[in-house]
C-alpha atoms as a PDB file:
ATOM      1  CA  MET A   1      27.256 -42.770 -11.050  1.00  0.00           C
ATOM      2  CA  SER A   2      27.565 -39.038 -11.682  1.00  0.00           C
ATOM      3  CA  GLU A   3      26.423 -37.620 -14.947  1.00  0.00           C
ATOM      4  CA  GLN A   4      28.722 -35.113 -16.627  1.00  0.00           C
ATOM      5  CA  ARG A   5      27.298 -32.220 -18.541  1.00  0.00           C
ATOM      6  CA  ARG A   6      29.176 -30.389 -21.236  1.00  0.00           C
ATOM      7  CA  ILE A   7      28.365 -27.033 -22.672  1.00  0.00           C
ATOM      8  CA  MET A   8      29.292 -26.648 -26.311  1.00  0.00           C
ATOM      9  CA  THR A   9      30.100 -23.227 -27.734  1.00  0.00           C
ATOM     10  CA  GLU A  10      30.442 -22.095 -31.302  1.00  0.00           C
ATOM     11  CA  GLU A  11      32.250 -19.025 -32.577  1.00  0.00           C
ATOM     12  CA  VAL A  12      30.710 -17.139 -35.443  1.00  0.00           C
ATOM     13  CA  GLU A  13      31.848 -14.176 -37.508  1.00  0.00           C
ATOM     14  CA  SER A  14      28.474 -12.414 -37.645  1.00  0.00           C
ATOM     15  CA  VAL A  15      24.774 -12.894 -37.136  1.00  0.00           C
ATOM     16  CA  ALA A  16      22.097 -11.741 -39.562  1.00  0.00           C
ATOM     17  CA  PRO A  17      19.881  -9.023 -38.026  1.00  0.00           C
ATOM     18  CA  PRO A  18      16.284 -10.055 -37.378  1.00  0.00           C
ATOM     19  CA  PRO A  19      13.688  -8.766 -39.828  1.00  0.00           C
ATOM     20  CA  ARG A  20      12.157  -5.404 -38.925  1.00  0.00           C
ATOM     21  CA  ALA A  21       8.440  -4.955 -38.558  1.00  0.00           C
ATOM     22  CA  ARG A  22       6.828  -2.750 -41.154  1.00  0.00           C
ATOM     23  CA  VAL A  23       3.452  -1.023 -41.142  1.00  0.00           C
ATOM     24  CA  THR A  24       2.742  -2.641 -44.487  1.00  0.00           C
ATOM     25  CA  ASP A  25       3.089  -6.064 -42.818  1.00  0.00           C
ATOM     26  CA  ALA A  26       0.160  -5.351 -40.485  1.00  0.00           C
ATOM     27  CA  VAL A  27      -2.997  -7.359 -40.986  1.00  0.00           C
ATOM     28  CA  GLU A  28      -5.710  -5.199 -42.432  1.00  0.00           C
ATOM     29  CA  GLU A  29      -9.077  -5.395 -40.764  1.00  0.00           C
ATOM     30  CA  THR A  30     -12.320  -3.643 -41.344  1.00  0.00           C
ATOM     31  CA  ALA A  31     -13.720  -1.127 -38.890  1.00  0.00           C
ATOM     32  CA  GLY A  32     -16.337  -3.696 -37.848  1.00  0.00           C
ATOM     33  CA  GLU A  33     -13.687  -6.349 -37.130  1.00  0.00           C
ATOM     34  CA  LYS A  34     -11.651  -3.853 -35.143  1.00  0.00           C
ATOM     35  CA  LEU A  35     -14.706  -2.803 -33.134  1.00  0.00           C
ATOM     36  CA  GLU A  36     -15.592  -6.442 -32.441  1.00  0.00           C
ATOM     37  CA  ARG A  37     -12.039  -7.138 -31.233  1.00  0.00           C
ATOM     38  CA  LYS A  38     -12.213  -4.153 -28.848  1.00  0.00           C
ATOM     39  CA  ARG A  39     -15.689  -5.133 -27.668  1.00  0.00           C
ATOM     40  CA  ASP A  40     -14.478  -8.682 -26.970  1.00  0.00           C
ATOM     41  CA  TYR A  41     -11.561  -7.326 -24.925  1.00  0.00           C
ATOM     42  CA  LEU A  42     -13.773  -4.973 -22.930  1.00  0.00           C
ATOM     43  CA  THR A  43     -16.349  -7.698 -22.256  1.00  0.00           C
ATOM     44  CA  GLY A  44     -13.694  -9.904 -20.692  1.00  0.00           C
ATOM     45  CA  PHE A  45     -12.175  -7.008 -18.778  1.00  0.00           C
ATOM     46  CA  LEU A  46     -15.474  -5.774 -17.375  1.00  0.00           C
ATOM     47  CA  ALA A  47     -16.628  -9.299 -16.481  1.00  0.00           C
ATOM     48  CA  ASP A  48     -13.579  -9.732 -14.233  1.00  0.00           C
ATOM     49  CA  LYS A  49     -14.582  -8.813 -10.695  1.00  0.00           C
ATOM     50  CA  PRO A  50     -11.980  -7.562  -8.221  1.00  0.00           C
ATOM     51  CA  ALA A  51     -10.875 -10.064  -5.626  1.00  0.00           C
ATOM     52  CA  GLU A  52     -12.697  -9.818  -2.316  1.00  0.00           C
ATOM     53  CA  VAL A  53     -10.535  -8.080   0.275  1.00  0.00           C
ATOM     54  CA  PRO A  54     -11.056  -9.352   3.819  1.00  0.00           C
ATOM     55  CA  THR A  55     -12.527  -6.609   5.990  1.00  0.00           C
ATOM     56  CA  THR A  56      -9.558  -6.843   8.391  1.00  0.00           C
ATOM     57  CA  ALA A  57      -6.856  -6.637   5.694  1.00  0.00           C
ATOM     58  CA  PRO A  58      -5.416  -3.416   4.287  1.00  0.00           C
ATOM     59  CA  GLY A  59      -8.015  -2.128   1.869  1.00  0.00           C
ATOM     60  CA  GLY A  60     -10.796  -3.858   3.792  1.00  0.00           C
ATOM     61  CA  GLU A  61     -13.737  -1.978   5.245  1.00  0.00           C
ATOM     62  CA  LEU A  62     -12.803  -2.287   8.951  1.00  0.00           C
ATOM     63  CA  TYR A  63      -9.106  -1.622   8.345  1.00  0.00           C
ATOM     64  CA  ASP A  64      -9.873   1.519   6.337  1.00  0.00           C
ATOM     65  CA  ALA A  65     -12.307   2.738   9.015  1.00  0.00           C
ATOM     66  CA  ILE A  66      -9.550   2.382  11.623  1.00  0.00           C
ATOM     67  CA  ILE A  67      -7.112   4.342   9.437  1.00  0.00           C
ATOM     68  CA  ASP A  68      -9.761   7.053   8.969  1.00  0.00           C
ATOM     69  CA  ALA A  69     -10.189   7.245  12.759  1.00  0.00           C
ATOM     70  CA  LEU A  70      -6.412   7.610  13.180  1.00  0.00           C
ATOM     71  CA  LYS A  71      -6.386  10.402  10.609  1.00  0.00           C
ATOM     72  CA  GLU A  72      -8.762  12.382  12.856  1.00  0.00           C
ATOM     73  CA  ILE A  73      -6.126  12.632  15.612  1.00  0.00           C
ATOM     74  CA  TYR A  74      -3.782  15.598  15.228  1.00  0.00           C
ATOM     75  CA  ASP A  75      -0.447  16.269  16.868  1.00  0.00           C
ATOM     76  CA  PRO A  76      -1.016  19.405  18.989  1.00  0.00           C
ATOM     77  CA  GLU A  77       2.313  20.959  17.967  1.00  0.00           C
ATOM     78  CA  ILE A  78       2.232  20.063  14.256  1.00  0.00           C
ATOM     79  CA  PRO A  79      -0.920  20.679  12.181  1.00  0.00           C
ATOM     80  CA  VAL A  80      -0.834  17.182  10.635  1.00  0.00           C
ATOM     81  CA  ASN A  81      -2.698  14.034  11.644  1.00  0.00           C
ATOM     82  CA  ILE A  82      -0.680  11.318  13.364  1.00  0.00           C
ATOM     83  CA  TYR A  83      -1.132   8.822  10.512  1.00  0.00           C
ATOM     84  CA  ASP A  84       0.266  11.123   7.806  1.00  0.00           C
ATOM     85  CA  LEU A  85       2.925  12.287  10.251  1.00  0.00           C
ATOM     86  CA  GLY A  86       4.197   8.696  10.276  1.00  0.00           C
ATOM     87  CA  LEU A  87       3.622   8.040  13.976  1.00  0.00           C
ATOM     88  CA  ILE A  88       1.592   4.877  13.283  1.00  0.00           C
ATOM     89  CA  TYR A  89       3.933   1.989  12.554  1.00  0.00           C
ATOM     90  CA  GLY A  90       1.334  -0.730  12.226  1.00  0.00           C
ATOM     91  CA  VAL A  91      -2.303  -1.726  12.598  1.00  0.00           C
ATOM     92  CA  GLU A  92      -3.075  -5.410  13.045  1.00  0.00           C
ATOM     93  CA  ILE A  93      -6.555  -6.859  13.360  1.00  0.00           C
ATOM     94  CA  GLY A  94      -6.755 -10.290  14.941  1.00  0.00           C
ATOM     95  CA  ALA A  95      -9.416 -12.704  16.113  1.00  0.00           C
ATOM     96  CA  ASP A  96     -12.656 -11.122  17.366  1.00  0.00           C
ATOM     97  CA  ASN A  97     -11.500  -7.886  15.668  1.00  0.00           C
ATOM     98  CA  HIS A  98      -8.935  -7.317  18.417  1.00  0.00           C
ATOM     99  CA  VAL A  99      -6.826  -4.393  17.162  1.00  0.00           C
ATOM    100  CA  ALA A 100      -3.160  -3.812  17.979  1.00  0.00           C
ATOM    101  CA  VAL A 101      -1.745  -0.416  17.036  1.00  0.00           C
ATOM    102  CA  SER A 102       2.011   0.136  17.115  1.00  0.00           C
ATOM    103  CA  MET A 103       2.930   3.782  17.280  1.00  0.00           C
ATOM    104  CA  THR A 104       5.645   6.177  18.298  1.00  0.00           C
ATOM    105  CA  LEU A 105       5.907   9.868  19.093  1.00  0.00           C
ATOM    106  CA  THR A 106       8.149  12.491  17.552  1.00  0.00           C
ATOM    107  CA  THR A 107      10.317  12.453  20.706  1.00  0.00           C
ATOM    108  CA  PRO A 108      10.213  10.598  24.031  1.00  0.00           C
ATOM    109  CA  HIS A 109       9.764  13.984  25.732  1.00  0.00           C
ATOM    110  CA  CYS A 110       6.711  14.885  23.678  1.00  0.00           C
ATOM    111  CA  PRO A 111       4.168  16.761  25.828  1.00  0.00           C
ATOM    112  CA  VAL A 112       1.388  14.356  24.784  1.00  0.00           C
ATOM    113  CA  ALA A 113       3.363  11.198  25.586  1.00  0.00           C
ATOM    114  CA  GLU A 114       0.942  10.307  28.383  1.00  0.00           C
ATOM    115  CA  THR A 115      -2.299  11.187  26.609  1.00  0.00           C
ATOM    116  CA  MET A 116      -1.780  10.336  22.924  1.00  0.00           C
ATOM    117  CA  PRO A 117      -1.847   6.506  23.292  1.00  0.00           C
ATOM    118  CA  GLY A 118      -5.077   6.816  25.295  1.00  0.00           C
ATOM    119  CA  GLU A 119      -6.654   8.984  22.612  1.00  0.00           C
ATOM    120  CA  VAL A 120      -5.621   6.466  19.930  1.00  0.00           C
ATOM    121  CA  GLU A 121      -7.190   3.668  21.982  1.00  0.00           C
ATOM    122  CA  LEU A 122     -10.450   5.615  22.396  1.00  0.00           C
ATOM    123  CA  ARG A 123     -10.710   6.639  18.734  1.00  0.00           C
ATOM    124  CA  VAL A 124      -9.927   3.182  17.356  1.00  0.00           C
ATOM    125  CA  GLY A 125     -12.209   1.565  19.943  1.00  0.00           C
ATOM    126  CA  SER A 126     -15.090   3.778  18.795  1.00  0.00           C
ATOM    127  CA  VAL A 127     -14.965   2.351  15.248  1.00  0.00           C
ATOM    128  CA  PRO A 128     -17.989   0.063  14.752  1.00  0.00           C
ATOM    129  CA  GLY A 129     -16.925  -3.582  14.675  1.00  0.00           C
ATOM    130  CA  VAL A 130     -13.699  -3.159  16.654  1.00  0.00           C
ATOM    131  CA  GLY A 131     -13.234  -5.400  19.692  1.00  0.00           C
ATOM    132  CA  LEU A 132     -10.438  -4.737  22.176  1.00  0.00           C
ATOM    133  CA  VAL A 133      -7.715  -2.220  21.342  1.00  0.00           C
ATOM    134  CA  ASP A 134      -4.082  -2.412  22.426  1.00  0.00           C
ATOM    135  CA  VAL A 135      -1.793   0.536  21.752  1.00  0.00           C
ATOM    136  CA  ASN A 136       1.896  -0.270  21.853  1.00  0.00           C
ATOM    137  CA  LEU A 137       4.152   2.761  22.185  1.00  0.00           C
ATOM    138  CA  VAL A 138       7.551   1.945  20.663  1.00  0.00           C
ATOM    139  CA  TRP A 139      10.734   3.962  20.278  1.00  0.00           C
ATOM    140  CA  ASP A 140      12.611   1.702  17.887  1.00  0.00           C
ATOM    141  CA  PRO A 141      12.914   2.645  15.118  1.00  0.00           C
ATOM    142  CA  PRO A 142      12.862   6.279  16.177  1.00  0.00           C
ATOM    143  CA  TRP A 143      10.559   8.625  14.311  1.00  0.00           C
ATOM    144  CA  SER A 144      12.098  10.796  11.620  1.00  0.00           C
ATOM    145  CA  PRO A 145      10.679  13.275   9.092  1.00  0.00           C
ATOM    146  CA  GLY A 146      11.221  10.565   6.460  1.00  0.00           C
ATOM    147  CA  ASN A 147       8.197   8.732   7.928  1.00  0.00           C
ATOM    148  CA  MET A 148       5.812  11.481   6.807  1.00  0.00           C
ATOM    149  CA  THR A 149       3.582  11.120   3.766  1.00  0.00           C
ATOM    150  CA  ASP A 150       3.965  13.527   0.866  1.00  0.00           C
ATOM    151  CA  GLU A 151       0.700  15.178   1.932  1.00  0.00           C
ATOM    152  CA  ALA A 152       2.164  15.918   5.377  1.00  0.00           C
ATOM    153  CA  ARG A 153       5.373  17.310   3.879  1.00  0.00           C
ATOM    154  CA  LEU A 154       3.342  19.511   1.559  1.00  0.00           C
ATOM    155  CA  GLU A 155       1.226  20.763   4.483  1.00  0.00           C
ATOM    156  CA  LEU A 156       4.389  21.667   6.404  1.00  0.00           C
ATOM    157  CA  GLY A 157       6.093  23.280   3.394  1.00  0.00           C
ATOM    158  CA  MET A 158       8.794  20.624   3.192  1.00  0.00           C
ATOM    159  CA  LEU A 159       8.243  19.776  -0.508  1.00  0.00           C
END
């Protein structure tokens, strides 16, 4: 047996506006009460510890060390590191700290097309705690200046 639902509507001429808040309606408190309220808030806030970030997740110690290593590699034609240039599409850390880096180059005919993936593999592999490193060179999606960070655009005078 299906149950029917009906929505009832009512037409009205006008609605009374809600009351407005006034400064005079505020609860008065002494300076000591106000200080105690702030102290109570700060105690709770400071007691809250940030959630532990796994070392292999973005923001984790190993992940950040890998990103720092990538930021040490510069494109020979553009004075910007390959991470800020937007050539790194992804960094994944798996079991046994096996790292997979997906990257591209500015063009398929880039003069460092043969050497850049090897340099990325060496730099990431030199980070303490990293196991095996796989560098996957991809062309889809193609690199564009929109991939660059604001810092890279500023360095190149594009901002």
